[in-house]
């Protein structure tokens, strides 16, 4: 054994609990165990590069000490907080050497998260969103602590343990869903149900699962329609589901087809099939008349199941329907039980390719919108999730098609990056129009801290290893720091051309934008895409194999043991 390892273990001989067992003050023992385990974790990165075998033994000792600490703490009423060995396994670098520049940038993003979180704590604790300029909170989601719940997994992944524990206590003691509030089924599902399930999958703390089940039960009556296609609005206290008046009574495609991931996972984690059944009935019905090009208008009649004449888009109100066809297939571990989702997604990708055009003179690839038989040369920033989605799904094709779709993803990512680079503030507008000979121009000019482009840059870097995407992401982060950071949090811009600021810190800035930026500069083993799939609000959920016939693929005992031991978006301004 090398000298550095011998020296470290020599220091730890005084840390072994047996050395102190005869001393009367048992809590002192707990404190010493806590400190020793923390030192082992702190020194792990140094040792892992030199002494893989020794590090493995030390990790086993950490788990042993942690278990002993729990037993003694329970026996003697101790108050020392548990070390979470689960986090070490989930977020392990697995021996990968960190690029010093990545480490530095990751810490900058973490500091940005701390700034956003502390501002929320100070001025809007327990409320849905912070208004940084007026230094107050606003309950734009019915008073569900939306920023707090949306941020749980970001705090956990970044290792902000104190902040996570404080948020956990608020969830346990103050989060109440019995609100006389007309809630968006979609927004509540992706932010609240998804945020709670992700916190559960990461931490193993059952309070998050219990709360996710509570809110999901309040949403379920929305699916009680003749077709099973849900209404998009429901009162959390009284039920009474309905659709917004501005849709003419129709349901929205993205709002109706973006609950499958969360509700399937909820059924898997609870063993109760009702959530999965409600959500999957929607896909079963849509598939009966699914077109060959896989493209659907954004409005669907929940009574007849027929689509209404309306735009076809990968932007607002269409986007995440297509995203979830791919991600349900991935979350089910690509088994035959979820093959239907992949088949539908591949049809939709044929449709997406048919909408791709290229600008002049610079040949930027973009995804048009379609109305009837005509195309509109417009692309939302929301549609910038598509490069990441296309890249993520490309590996499911044969070699030739896989290469073709990955190349398309690279082209679209370049376009989305230029949405940012083409403005004076280097922040993207809400949408862009393309004109012959003039490339792109900003349409709606606000920026509300959206994540879609950095989301795609994260996937492109993970799937290609090309560090160019990290550079692009860093440039976008710096633009946010320059234009959106103020003393009391982060704000959007009313106009990306002038830089005039708005007065809202969107929940998805903490849940998505900063999380994807943090992971962009983290080793690929941190929230590995082989083990996790992100919902449309960037909440990572465990991949769990689905059994043949669509039966629940609940966690087996080995997986549960591993957990214990080591183991969007509409055209919205809210």
Protein backbone atom coordinates (compact mmCIF):
# COMPACT_ATOMS: atom_id res chain seq x y z
CA UNK A 1 0.00 0.00 0.00
CA UNK A 2 1.31 3.42 -0.93
CA UNK A 3 2.43 5.79 1.79
CA UNK A 4 -0.43 8.25 1.25
CA UNK A 5 -3.01 5.50 1.79
CA UNK A 6 -1.20 4.07 4.84
CA UNK A 7 -1.00 7.53 6.35
CA UNK A 8 -4.69 8.14 5.80
CA UNK A 9 -5.74 4.81 7.29
CA UNK A 10 -3.34 5.32 10.21
CA UNK A 11 -5.21 8.50 11.07
CA UNK A 12 -8.49 6.60 10.87
CA UNK A 13 -7.51 3.91 13.44
CA UNK A 14 -8.70 6.29 16.14
CA UNK A 15 -11.97 6.64 14.29
CA UNK A 16 -13.02 3.01 14.65
CA UNK A 17 -16.03 2.83 17.00
CA UNK A 18 -14.57 -0.07 19.01
CA UNK A 19 -11.77 2.21 20.16
CA UNK A 20 -14.27 4.35 22.07
CA UNK A 21 -16.96 1.87 23.04
CA UNK A 22 -16.16 2.04 26.78
CA UNK A 23 -16.43 5.80 26.94
CA UNK A 24 -19.69 7.07 28.36
CA UNK A 25 -20.51 9.86 25.90
CA UNK A 26 -21.99 8.01 22.99
CA UNK A 27 -22.82 11.11 20.99
CA UNK A 28 -19.12 11.91 20.83
CA UNK A 29 -18.72 8.63 19.00
CA UNK A 30 -21.39 9.64 16.53
CA UNK A 31 -19.67 12.93 15.84
CA UNK A 32 -16.31 11.23 15.28
CA UNK A 33 -17.84 8.69 12.89
CA UNK A 34 -19.51 11.51 10.97
CA UNK A 35 -16.25 13.44 10.65
CA UNK A 36 -14.28 10.38 9.61
CA UNK A 37 -16.75 9.35 6.97
CA UNK A 38 -16.80 12.88 5.64
CA UNK A 39 -13.00 12.88 5.40
CA UNK A 40 -13.06 9.66 3.43
CA UNK A 41 -15.55 11.11 0.96
CA UNK A 42 -13.59 14.37 0.73
CA UNK A 43 -10.34 12.57 -0.06
CA UNK A 44 -11.93 10.13 -2.48
CA UNK A 45 -11.02 11.93 -5.70
CA UNK A 46 -7.31 12.01 -4.85
CA UNK A 47 -7.15 8.36 -3.89
CA UNK A 48 -9.27 7.09 -6.76
CA UNK A 49 -6.71 8.10 -9.33
CA UNK A 50 -3.88 6.25 -7.55
CA UNK A 51 -5.36 3.44 -5.52
CA UNK A 52 -8.55 1.92 -6.91
CA UNK A 53 -8.45 -1.15 -4.61
CA UNK A 54 -7.81 0.88 -1.47
CA UNK A 55 -10.59 3.31 -2.37
CA UNK A 56 -13.03 0.43 -2.79
CA UNK A 57 -12.20 -0.78 0.72
CA UNK A 58 -12.56 2.72 2.12
CA UNK A 59 -15.97 3.08 0.52
CA UNK A 60 -17.07 -0.15 2.16
CA UNK A 61 -15.86 1.23 5.47
CA UNK A 62 -17.86 4.43 4.90
CA UNK A 63 -21.01 2.38 4.38
CA UNK A 64 -20.24 0.35 7.52
CA UNK A 65 -19.63 3.46 9.62
CA UNK A 66 -22.79 5.07 8.30
CA UNK A 67 -24.89 2.06 9.22
CA UNK A 68 -23.35 1.93 12.70
CA UNK A 69 -23.96 5.63 13.17
CA UNK A 70 -27.63 5.17 12.30
CA UNK A 71 -28.00 2.31 14.79
CA UNK A 72 -26.32 4.18 17.63
CA UNK A 73 -28.18 7.38 16.85
CA UNK A 74 -31.52 5.58 16.94
CA UNK A 75 -30.62 3.79 20.16
CA UNK A 76 -29.49 6.91 22.01
CA UNK A 77 -31.67 9.64 20.53
CA UNK A 78 -28.79 11.21 18.66
CA UNK A 79 -29.37 14.15 16.36
CA UNK A 80 -26.45 13.95 13.98
CA UNK A 81 -27.75 13.93 10.40
CA UNK A 82 -27.21 10.84 8.29
CA UNK A 83 -24.56 10.77 5.66
CA UNK A 84 -26.30 9.79 2.42
CA UNK A 85 -24.21 7.04 0.79
CA UNK A 86 -26.88 6.91 -1.93
CA UNK A 87 -25.64 10.25 -3.23
CA UNK A 88 -22.08 8.96 -3.44
CA UNK A 89 -23.18 6.13 -5.72
CA UNK A 90 -25.66 8.07 -7.84
CA UNK A 91 -23.34 11.01 -8.41
CA UNK A 92 -20.02 9.18 -8.42
CA UNK A 93 -17.33 10.20 -10.90
CA UNK A 94 -16.37 6.51 -11.08
CA UNK A 95 -12.68 7.30 -11.22
CA UNK A 96 -12.94 9.76 -14.11
CA UNK A 97 -10.47 12.62 -13.99
CA UNK A 98 -12.16 16.00 -13.96
CA UNK A 99 -10.93 18.64 -16.35
CA UNK A 100 -9.84 21.57 -14.12
CA UNK A 101 -11.75 23.99 -16.36
CA UNK A 102 -14.90 21.86 -16.00
CA UNK A 103 -14.49 21.86 -12.23
CA UNK A 104 -14.13 25.64 -12.17
CA UNK A 105 -17.16 26.19 -14.41
CA UNK A 106 -19.27 23.69 -12.49
CA UNK A 107 -18.55 25.56 -9.29
CA UNK A 108 -19.55 28.84 -10.94
CA UNK A 109 -22.90 27.31 -11.91
CA UNK A 110 -23.30 25.95 -8.39
CA UNK A 111 -22.66 29.42 -6.99
CA UNK A 112 -25.33 30.78 -9.34
CA UNK A 113 -27.77 28.21 -7.98
CA UNK A 114 -26.89 29.24 -4.43
CA UNK A 115 -27.49 32.88 -5.31
CA UNK A 116 -30.88 32.07 -6.84
CA UNK A 117 -31.85 29.81 -3.93
CA UNK A 118 -30.79 32.21 -1.18
CA UNK A 119 -32.74 34.98 -2.87
CA UNK A 120 -35.80 32.74 -2.94
CA UNK A 121 -35.25 31.81 0.72
CA UNK A 122 -34.97 35.45 1.71
CA UNK A 123 -37.87 36.97 -0.18
CA UNK A 124 -40.29 34.21 -1.24
CA UNK A 125 -39.80 31.13 0.96
CA UNK A 126 -42.67 28.66 0.48
CA UNK A 127 -44.27 30.67 -2.31
CA UNK A 128 -44.34 29.62 -5.93
CA UNK A 129 -42.05 32.17 -7.54
CA UNK A 130 -39.74 35.01 -6.59
CA UNK A 131 -40.15 38.49 -8.02
CA UNK A 132 -36.56 39.68 -7.53
CA UNK A 133 -36.93 43.35 -8.39
CA UNK A 134 -39.85 43.94 -6.04
CA UNK A 135 -38.35 41.50 -3.49
CA UNK A 136 -41.50 39.47 -2.88
CA UNK A 137 -43.05 36.14 -3.74
CA UNK A 138 -46.10 35.32 -5.83
CA UNK A 139 -48.27 32.18 -5.85
CA UNK A 140 -48.61 31.68 -9.59
CA UNK A 141 -49.21 27.91 -9.22
CA UNK A 142 -51.76 27.97 -6.41
CA UNK A 143 -49.33 28.15 -3.50
CA UNK A 144 -47.59 24.78 -3.96
CA UNK A 145 -44.07 26.05 -3.28
CA UNK A 146 -43.34 25.49 -6.97
CA UNK A 147 -39.79 26.88 -6.96
CA UNK A 148 -38.91 24.85 -3.89
CA UNK A 149 -40.33 21.56 -5.21
CA UNK A 150 -38.91 22.16 -8.69
CA UNK A 151 -35.44 22.73 -7.17
CA UNK A 152 -35.20 19.70 -4.87
CA UNK A 153 -33.23 17.48 -7.23
CA UNK A 154 -30.97 20.33 -8.35
CA UNK A 155 -30.00 20.94 -4.73
CA UNK A 156 -29.39 17.22 -4.23
CA UNK A 157 -27.31 16.78 -7.38
CA UNK A 158 -25.17 19.82 -6.58
CA UNK A 159 -24.48 18.52 -3.07
CA UNK A 160 -26.24 21.43 -1.34
CA UNK A 161 -27.20 19.24 1.57
CA UNK A 162 -28.21 21.90 4.07
CA UNK A 163 -30.49 23.58 1.56
CA UNK A 164 -31.98 20.25 0.48
CA UNK A 165 -32.73 19.23 4.07
CA UNK A 166 -34.43 22.54 4.80
CA UNK A 167 -36.54 22.17 1.67
CA UNK A 168 -37.36 18.59 2.64
CA UNK A 169 -38.66 19.75 6.03
CA UNK A 170 -40.90 22.30 4.30
CA UNK A 171 -42.29 19.59 2.03
CA UNK A 172 -42.93 17.33 5.01
CA UNK A 173 -44.53 19.93 7.25
CA UNK A 174 -45.96 22.70 5.06
CA UNK A 175 -46.73 21.42 1.55
CA UNK A 176 -50.52 21.26 1.32
CA UNK A 177 -52.35 20.45 -1.91
CA UNK A 178 -55.86 21.14 -0.63
CA UNK A 179 -56.06 24.41 -2.53
CA UNK A 180 -59.10 25.99 -4.12
CA UNK A 181 -57.07 26.63 -7.24
CA UNK A 182 -57.62 25.90 -10.94
CA UNK A 183 -54.39 24.08 -11.69
CA UNK A 184 -52.84 23.16 -15.02
CA UNK A 185 -52.67 19.37 -15.06
CA UNK A 186 -49.60 19.57 -17.30
CA UNK A 187 -47.62 22.13 -15.31
CA UNK A 188 -48.48 20.51 -11.98
CA UNK A 189 -47.44 17.11 -13.30
CA UNK A 190 -44.09 18.07 -14.79
CA UNK A 191 -43.03 20.42 -11.99
CA UNK A 192 -44.60 19.05 -8.82
CA UNK A 193 -45.22 15.33 -9.46
CA UNK A 194 -41.99 15.09 -11.45
CA UNK A 195 -40.00 17.08 -8.90
CA UNK A 196 -41.21 14.96 -5.99
CA UNK A 197 -40.64 11.66 -7.79
CA UNK A 198 -37.12 12.69 -8.76
CA UNK A 199 -36.35 13.70 -5.17
CA UNK A 200 -37.60 10.27 -4.10
CA UNK A 201 -35.59 8.37 -6.72
CA UNK A 202 -32.45 10.28 -5.73
CA UNK A 203 -32.78 10.31 -1.95
CA UNK A 204 -35.03 7.35 -1.16
CA UNK A 205 -37.00 9.54 1.27
CA UNK A 206 -40.59 8.28 1.26
CA UNK A 207 -42.08 11.66 2.17
CA UNK A 208 -41.53 12.71 -1.45
CA UNK A 209 -43.33 9.64 -2.80
CA UNK A 210 -46.25 10.16 -0.43
CA UNK A 211 -46.62 13.78 -1.51
CA UNK A 212 -46.37 12.84 -5.20
CA UNK A 213 -49.19 10.36 -4.73
CA UNK A 214 -51.32 12.94 -2.93
CA UNK A 215 -51.13 15.50 -5.72
CA UNK A 216 -51.51 12.86 -8.47
CA UNK A 217 -54.73 11.61 -6.85
CA UNK A 218 -56.10 15.14 -7.08
CA UNK A 219 -55.22 15.30 -10.78
CA UNK A 220 -56.66 11.91 -11.79
CA UNK A 221 -60.28 13.03 -12.35
CA UNK A 222 -59.03 15.08 -15.31
CA UNK A 223 -58.80 11.82 -17.28
CA UNK A 224 -62.47 10.96 -16.76
CA UNK A 225 -63.56 11.79 -20.32
CA UNK A 226 -65.27 9.62 -22.98
CA UNK A 227 -61.93 9.06 -24.75
CA UNK A 228 -59.60 9.15 -21.76
CA UNK A 229 -57.89 12.23 -23.24
CA UNK A 230 -57.68 14.50 -20.19
CA UNK A 231 -59.08 17.91 -19.55
CA UNK A 232 -56.19 20.28 -18.95
CA UNK A 233 -57.46 22.21 -15.89
CA UNK A 234 -58.66 20.90 -12.52
CA UNK A 235 -59.44 22.40 -9.13
CA UNK A 236 -57.08 20.83 -6.59
CA UNK A 237 -59.65 20.93 -3.77
CA UNK A 238 -62.93 20.33 -5.58
CA UNK A 239 -62.06 18.54 -8.82
CA UNK A 240 -64.37 19.83 -11.60
CA UNK A 241 -61.96 19.28 -14.53
CA UNK A 242 -62.39 21.36 -17.69
CA UNK A 243 -60.47 22.95 -20.50
CA UNK A 244 -59.48 26.62 -20.74
CA UNK A 245 -61.96 28.79 -22.60
CA UNK A 246 -59.34 30.08 -25.04
CA UNK A 247 -58.95 26.60 -26.62
CA UNK A 248 -62.63 26.47 -27.54
CA UNK A 249 -63.11 23.48 -25.28
CA UNK A 250 -60.34 21.44 -26.88
CA UNK A 251 -57.51 19.70 -25.03
CA UNK A 252 -53.91 20.63 -25.89
CA UNK A 253 -51.64 17.99 -27.41
CA UNK A 254 -48.61 18.61 -25.17
CA UNK A 255 -50.79 19.02 -22.08
CA UNK A 256 -52.49 15.67 -22.72
CA UNK A 257 -49.44 13.69 -23.82
CA UNK A 258 -46.85 14.77 -21.26
CA UNK A 259 -47.97 12.95 -18.12
CA UNK A 260 -47.08 9.42 -19.18
CA UNK A 261 -43.53 9.41 -17.82
CA UNK A 262 -44.46 10.69 -14.35
CA UNK A 263 -47.58 8.55 -13.97
CA UNK A 264 -45.87 5.36 -15.14
CA UNK A 265 -43.04 5.99 -12.66
CA UNK A 266 -45.55 6.70 -9.89
CA UNK A 267 -47.26 3.35 -10.56
CA UNK A 268 -43.90 1.60 -10.57
CA UNK A 269 -42.85 3.14 -7.27
CA UNK A 270 -46.19 2.63 -5.48
CA UNK A 271 -47.30 -0.62 -7.11
CA UNK A 272 -50.67 0.98 -7.89
CA UNK A 273 -51.44 0.65 -11.64
CA UNK A 274 -54.16 3.31 -11.82
CA UNK A 275 -51.80 6.18 -12.66
CA UNK A 276 -50.12 4.32 -15.51
CA UNK A 277 -53.44 3.10 -16.86
CA UNK A 278 -54.93 6.60 -17.04
CA UNK A 279 -51.87 8.06 -18.76
CA UNK A 280 -51.31 5.20 -21.19
CA UNK A 281 -54.97 5.12 -22.29
CA UNK A 282 -54.26 8.48 -23.94
CA UNK A 283 -51.52 7.02 -26.11
CA UNK A 284 -53.62 3.95 -26.91
CA UNK A 285 -56.41 6.18 -28.18
CA UNK A 286 -54.14 8.51 -30.14
CA UNK A 287 -52.39 5.56 -31.78
CA UNK A 288 -55.67 4.33 -33.29
CA UNK A 289 -55.59 7.16 -35.82
CA UNK A 290 -51.91 8.12 -35.65
CA UNK A 291 -50.81 9.44 -39.08
CA UNK A 292 -47.92 8.00 -41.06
CA UNK A 293 -45.88 11.17 -40.59
CA UNK A 294 -46.52 11.14 -36.82
CA UNK A 295 -47.51 14.82 -36.76
CA UNK A 296 -50.58 15.99 -34.85
CA UNK A 297 -52.29 19.38 -34.58
CA UNK A 298 -52.09 20.96 -31.14
CA UNK A 299 -55.84 20.68 -30.35
CA UNK A 300 -57.72 17.43 -29.65
CA UNK A 301 -61.39 16.99 -28.73
CA UNK A 302 -61.51 15.04 -25.43
CA UNK A 303 -65.02 13.79 -26.24
CA UNK A 304 -64.53 12.47 -29.76
CA UNK A 305 -60.76 12.10 -29.81
CA UNK A 306 -60.58 13.90 -33.16
CA UNK A 307 -57.93 16.50 -33.82
CA UNK A 308 -59.09 20.02 -34.60
CA UNK A 309 -57.74 22.26 -37.36
CA UNK A 310 -54.78 23.91 -35.66
CA UNK A 311 -51.02 24.31 -36.08
CA UNK A 312 -48.56 21.42 -36.11
CA UNK A 313 -45.44 22.42 -34.23
CA UNK A 314 -42.46 21.19 -32.24
CA UNK A 315 -42.75 24.42 -30.29
CA UNK A 316 -45.40 25.66 -27.88
CA UNK A 317 -48.25 23.21 -27.12
CA UNK A 318 -46.83 20.41 -29.27
CA UNK A 319 -43.22 19.89 -28.15
CA UNK A 320 -43.21 17.50 -25.20
CA UNK A 321 -45.78 15.09 -26.69
CA UNK A 322 -43.06 13.96 -29.11
CA UNK A 323 -40.40 14.08 -26.40
CA UNK A 324 -42.34 11.66 -24.19
CA UNK A 325 -42.85 9.10 -26.95
CA UNK A 326 -39.07 8.64 -26.89
CA UNK A 327 -38.55 8.97 -23.16
CA UNK A 328 -41.22 6.47 -22.08
CA UNK A 329 -39.45 3.97 -24.31
CA UNK A 330 -36.14 4.79 -22.63
CA UNK A 331 -37.58 4.79 -19.09
CA UNK A 332 -39.05 1.32 -19.75
CA UNK A 333 -35.55 0.15 -20.64
CA UNK A 334 -36.50 -0.25 -24.33
CA UNK A 335 -38.34 -3.52 -23.69
CA UNK A 336 -41.06 -4.93 -25.99
CA UNK A 337 -43.70 -3.55 -23.61
CA UNK A 338 -42.79 0.01 -24.64
CA UNK A 339 -41.95 -0.61 -28.31
CA UNK A 340 -45.18 1.14 -29.37
CA UNK A 341 -43.76 4.43 -28.06
CA UNK A 342 -40.58 4.04 -30.10
CA UNK A 343 -42.56 3.15 -33.22
CA UNK A 344 -44.75 6.24 -32.82
CA UNK A 345 -41.69 8.41 -32.18
CA UNK A 346 -39.95 7.19 -35.33
CA UNK A 347 -43.04 8.11 -37.35
CA UNK A 348 -42.90 11.57 -35.77
CA UNK A 349 -39.25 11.91 -36.74
CA UNK A 350 -40.20 11.30 -40.36
CA UNK A 351 -42.61 14.17 -39.93
CA UNK A 352 -39.98 16.35 -38.28
CA UNK A 353 -37.58 15.81 -41.19
CA UNK A 354 -40.33 16.91 -43.57
CA UNK A 355 -40.55 20.23 -41.71
CA UNK A 356 -36.81 21.00 -41.80
CA UNK A 357 -35.67 23.83 -44.04
CA UNK A 358 -32.38 25.71 -44.32
CA UNK A 359 -31.89 29.45 -44.35
CA UNK A 360 -29.97 31.56 -46.80
CA UNK A 361 -27.23 32.54 -46.98
CA UNK A 362 -25.87 30.67 -43.91
CA UNK A 363 -27.82 27.39 -44.25
CA UNK A 364 -29.13 27.28 -40.67
CA UNK A 365 -31.37 24.22 -40.29
CA UNK A 366 -34.71 24.99 -38.63
CA UNK A 367 -38.04 23.26 -37.99
CA UNK A 368 -41.02 24.94 -39.63
CA UNK A 369 -44.54 25.08 -38.27
CA UNK A 370 -47.37 23.71 -40.38
CA UNK A 371 -50.93 24.92 -40.88
CA UNK A 372 -52.97 22.69 -43.15
CA UNK A 373 -50.86 22.33 -46.27
CA UNK A 374 -48.68 25.39 -45.76
CA UNK A 375 -45.46 25.89 -43.83
CA UNK A 376 -44.47 28.89 -41.72
CA UNK A 377 -40.76 29.71 -41.50
CA UNK A 378 -40.88 30.18 -37.73
CA UNK A 379 -39.18 28.26 -34.91
CA UNK A 380 -39.73 28.70 -31.18
CA UNK A 381 -36.83 28.60 -28.75
CA UNK A 382 -39.01 25.96 -27.07
CA UNK A 383 -38.36 23.75 -30.11
CA UNK A 384 -34.64 23.83 -29.25
CA UNK A 385 -35.24 20.75 -27.11
CA UNK A 386 -35.39 18.89 -30.44
CA UNK A 387 -31.64 18.61 -31.15
CA UNK A 388 -31.15 16.84 -27.81
CA UNK A 389 -34.17 14.62 -28.36
CA UNK A 390 -33.09 13.65 -31.88
CA UNK A 391 -29.55 12.88 -30.69
CA UNK A 392 -30.85 10.86 -27.74
CA UNK A 393 -33.04 8.74 -30.01
CA UNK A 394 -30.54 8.37 -32.84
CA UNK A 395 -28.83 5.34 -31.30
CA UNK A 396 -32.04 3.31 -31.64
CA UNK A 397 -31.74 3.32 -35.44
CA UNK A 398 -29.47 1.27 -37.66
CA UNK A 399 -26.00 2.69 -38.40
CA UNK A 400 -26.93 4.72 -41.49
CA UNK A 401 -30.05 6.34 -40.05
CA UNK A 402 -28.35 6.86 -36.71
CA UNK A 403 -25.59 8.87 -38.38
CA UNK A 404 -28.13 10.86 -40.40
CA UNK A 405 -30.23 11.84 -37.38
CA UNK A 406 -27.20 12.70 -35.26
CA UNK A 407 -26.00 14.96 -38.06
CA UNK A 408 -29.40 16.66 -38.13
CA UNK A 409 -29.22 17.14 -34.36
CA UNK A 410 -25.83 18.82 -34.74
CA UNK A 411 -27.21 21.20 -37.37
CA UNK A 412 -30.24 22.12 -35.25
CA UNK A 413 -28.05 22.66 -32.17
CA UNK A 414 -25.92 25.12 -34.16
CA UNK A 415 -29.05 27.03 -35.15
CA UNK A 416 -30.29 27.19 -31.56
CA UNK A 417 -26.92 28.40 -30.32
CA UNK A 418 -27.11 31.16 -32.92
CA UNK A 419 -30.50 32.18 -31.56
CA UNK A 420 -28.37 33.39 -28.63
CA UNK A 421 -25.37 34.67 -30.52
CA UNK A 422 -27.42 36.77 -32.94
CA UNK A 423 -28.71 39.27 -30.33
CA UNK A 424 -26.90 42.16 -28.61
CA UNK A 425 -27.33 40.53 -25.18
CA UNK A 426 -26.32 37.06 -26.46
CA UNK A 427 -29.59 35.74 -25.03
CA UNK A 428 -32.23 34.19 -27.28
CA UNK A 429 -35.64 35.62 -27.99
CA UNK A 430 -38.84 33.57 -27.61
CA UNK A 431 -39.09 32.74 -31.32
CA UNK A 432 -37.41 33.39 -34.66
CA UNK A 433 -38.54 33.95 -38.22
CA UNK A 434 -36.47 33.02 -41.26
CA UNK A 435 -36.46 35.14 -44.40
CA UNK A 436 -34.84 34.37 -47.72
CA UNK A 437 -31.41 35.93 -47.92
CA UNK A 438 -31.55 37.21 -44.34
CA UNK A 439 -31.16 34.05 -42.23
CA UNK A 440 -32.93 34.54 -38.88
CA UNK A 441 -34.57 37.41 -37.07
CA UNK A 442 -36.07 37.69 -33.59
CA UNK A 443 -39.85 37.61 -33.46
CA UNK A 444 -41.11 37.82 -29.88
CA UNK A 445 -38.10 39.38 -28.18
CA UNK A 446 -38.36 38.43 -24.52
CA UNK A 447 -36.16 35.88 -22.75
CA UNK A 448 -37.58 34.20 -19.64
CA UNK A 449 -34.51 32.14 -18.66
CA UNK A 450 -35.59 29.13 -20.73
CA UNK A 451 -33.52 25.92 -20.69
CA UNK A 452 -34.15 24.22 -24.04
CA UNK A 453 -30.94 25.15 -25.82
CA UNK A 454 -28.64 24.29 -22.91
CA UNK A 455 -30.64 21.07 -22.51
CA UNK A 456 -29.73 20.11 -26.05
CA UNK A 457 -26.11 21.16 -25.55
CA UNK A 458 -25.98 18.84 -22.54
CA UNK A 459 -27.22 15.89 -24.61
CA UNK A 460 -24.98 16.72 -27.55
CA UNK A 461 -21.91 16.79 -25.30
CA UNK A 462 -22.88 13.59 -23.47
CA UNK A 463 -23.59 11.70 -26.69
CA UNK A 464 -20.71 12.96 -28.87
CA UNK A 465 -17.98 13.96 -26.40
CA UNK A 466 -17.46 17.14 -28.43
CA UNK A 467 -16.33 19.84 -26.00
CA UNK A 468 -17.51 22.54 -28.38
CA UNK A 469 -20.95 22.12 -26.83
CA UNK A 470 -19.48 22.87 -23.41
CA UNK A 471 -17.99 26.09 -24.79
CA UNK A 472 -21.33 27.14 -26.23
CA UNK A 473 -23.04 26.39 -22.92
CA UNK A 474 -20.46 28.41 -21.03
CA UNK A 475 -21.04 31.38 -23.32
CA UNK A 476 -24.79 31.19 -22.66
CA UNK A 477 -24.21 30.95 -18.91
CA UNK A 478 -22.00 34.04 -19.01
CA UNK A 479 -24.73 35.92 -20.89
CA UNK A 480 -27.22 35.01 -18.15
CA UNK A 481 -24.74 36.18 -15.53
CA UNK A 482 -24.19 39.49 -17.32
CA UNK A 483 -27.79 40.31 -18.20
CA UNK A 484 -30.09 38.43 -15.80
CA UNK A 485 -28.29 38.34 -12.46
CA UNK A 486 -29.19 41.04 -9.98
CA UNK A 487 -28.54 41.35 -6.26
CA UNK A 488 -31.81 39.61 -5.34
CA UNK A 489 -31.85 36.72 -7.80
CA UNK A 490 -32.18 36.24 -11.56
CA UNK A 491 -34.69 37.86 -13.90
CA UNK A 492 -35.68 37.49 -17.52
CA UNK A 493 -35.44 40.17 -20.15
CA UNK A 494 -38.41 41.98 -21.64
CA UNK A 495 -36.31 42.53 -24.76
CA UNK A 496 -33.11 40.74 -25.72
CA UNK A 497 -32.17 43.67 -27.94
CA UNK A 498 -32.26 46.35 -25.24
CA UNK A 499 -31.63 44.22 -22.14
CA UNK A 500 -34.58 45.68 -20.21
CA UNK A 501 -35.30 43.34 -17.30
CA UNK A 502 -38.55 41.76 -16.12
CA UNK A 503 -39.48 40.86 -12.53
CA UNK A 504 -39.69 37.08 -12.34
CA UNK A 505 -37.32 34.23 -11.53
CA UNK A 506 -38.92 31.28 -13.30
CA UNK A 507 -38.96 27.99 -11.42
CA UNK A 508 -37.46 26.21 -14.43
CA UNK A 509 -34.34 28.37 -14.25
CA UNK A 510 -33.39 26.48 -11.08
CA UNK A 511 -34.96 23.17 -12.09
CA UNK A 512 -33.66 23.01 -15.64
CA UNK A 513 -31.36 25.74 -16.90
CA UNK A 514 -28.87 25.64 -14.03
CA UNK A 515 -29.12 21.86 -13.64
CA UNK A 516 -28.32 21.19 -17.29
CA UNK A 517 -25.46 23.69 -17.16
CA UNK A 518 -24.07 22.00 -14.04
CA UNK A 519 -24.28 18.57 -15.67
CA UNK A 520 -22.73 19.95 -18.87
CA UNK A 521 -19.53 20.42 -16.83
CA UNK A 522 -19.84 17.19 -14.81
CA UNK A 523 -18.47 13.76 -15.72
CA UNK A 524 -20.91 11.62 -17.77
CA UNK A 525 -21.27 9.19 -14.86
CA UNK A 526 -23.06 11.87 -12.83
CA UNK A 527 -26.75 11.08 -13.51
CA UNK A 528 -25.75 8.60 -16.21
CA UNK A 529 -28.04 8.44 -19.23
CA UNK A 530 -27.77 4.65 -18.95
CA UNK A 531 -29.60 4.78 -15.62
CA UNK A 532 -31.75 7.91 -15.70
CA UNK A 533 -34.17 9.70 -18.01
CA UNK A 534 -35.11 13.37 -17.59
CA UNK A 535 -38.73 14.47 -17.64
CA UNK A 536 -39.55 17.62 -19.58
CA UNK A 537 -38.79 19.73 -16.48
CA UNK A 538 -35.30 18.16 -16.19
CA UNK A 539 -36.24 15.91 -13.27
CA UNK A 540 -34.19 12.68 -13.52
CA UNK A 541 -36.19 9.47 -13.03
CA UNK A 542 -34.76 5.97 -12.68
CA UNK A 543 -34.94 3.72 -15.73
CA UNK A 544 -37.03 0.70 -14.73
CA UNK A 545 -37.59 -2.25 -17.12
CA UNK A 546 -41.19 -2.73 -18.23
CA UNK A 547 -42.37 -6.32 -18.44
CA UNK A 548 -43.96 -7.84 -21.55
CA UNK A 549 -47.60 -6.99 -21.97
CA UNK A 550 -47.21 -3.59 -20.35
CA UNK A 551 -47.26 -4.93 -16.79
CA UNK A 552 -45.66 -2.89 -14.07
CA UNK A 553 -41.91 -3.37 -13.91
CA UNK A 554 -41.64 -2.45 -10.23
CA UNK A 555 -38.28 -2.21 -8.53
CA UNK A 556 -36.99 -5.63 -7.53
CA UNK A 557 -35.45 -6.26 -4.14
CA UNK A 558 -31.91 -5.98 -5.44
CA UNK A 559 -32.62 -2.54 -6.88
CA UNK A 560 -34.32 -1.41 -3.67
CA UNK A 561 -31.34 -2.58 -1.65
CA UNK A 562 -29.02 -0.66 -3.94
CA UNK A 563 -31.07 2.47 -3.34
CA UNK A 564 -30.74 2.10 0.42
CA UNK A 565 -27.09 1.16 0.62
CA UNK A 566 -25.47 2.86 -2.28
CA UNK A 567 -27.44 3.45 -4.04
CA UNK A 568 -42.81 22.35 -20.18
CA UNK A 569 -43.61 23.81 -21.66
CA UNK A 570 -46.20 25.77 -23.42
CA UNK A 571 -45.72 29.28 -24.70
CA UNK A 572 -45.68 30.18 -21.04
CA UNK A 573 -44.35 32.94 -18.92
CA UNK A 574 -45.09 31.00 -15.75
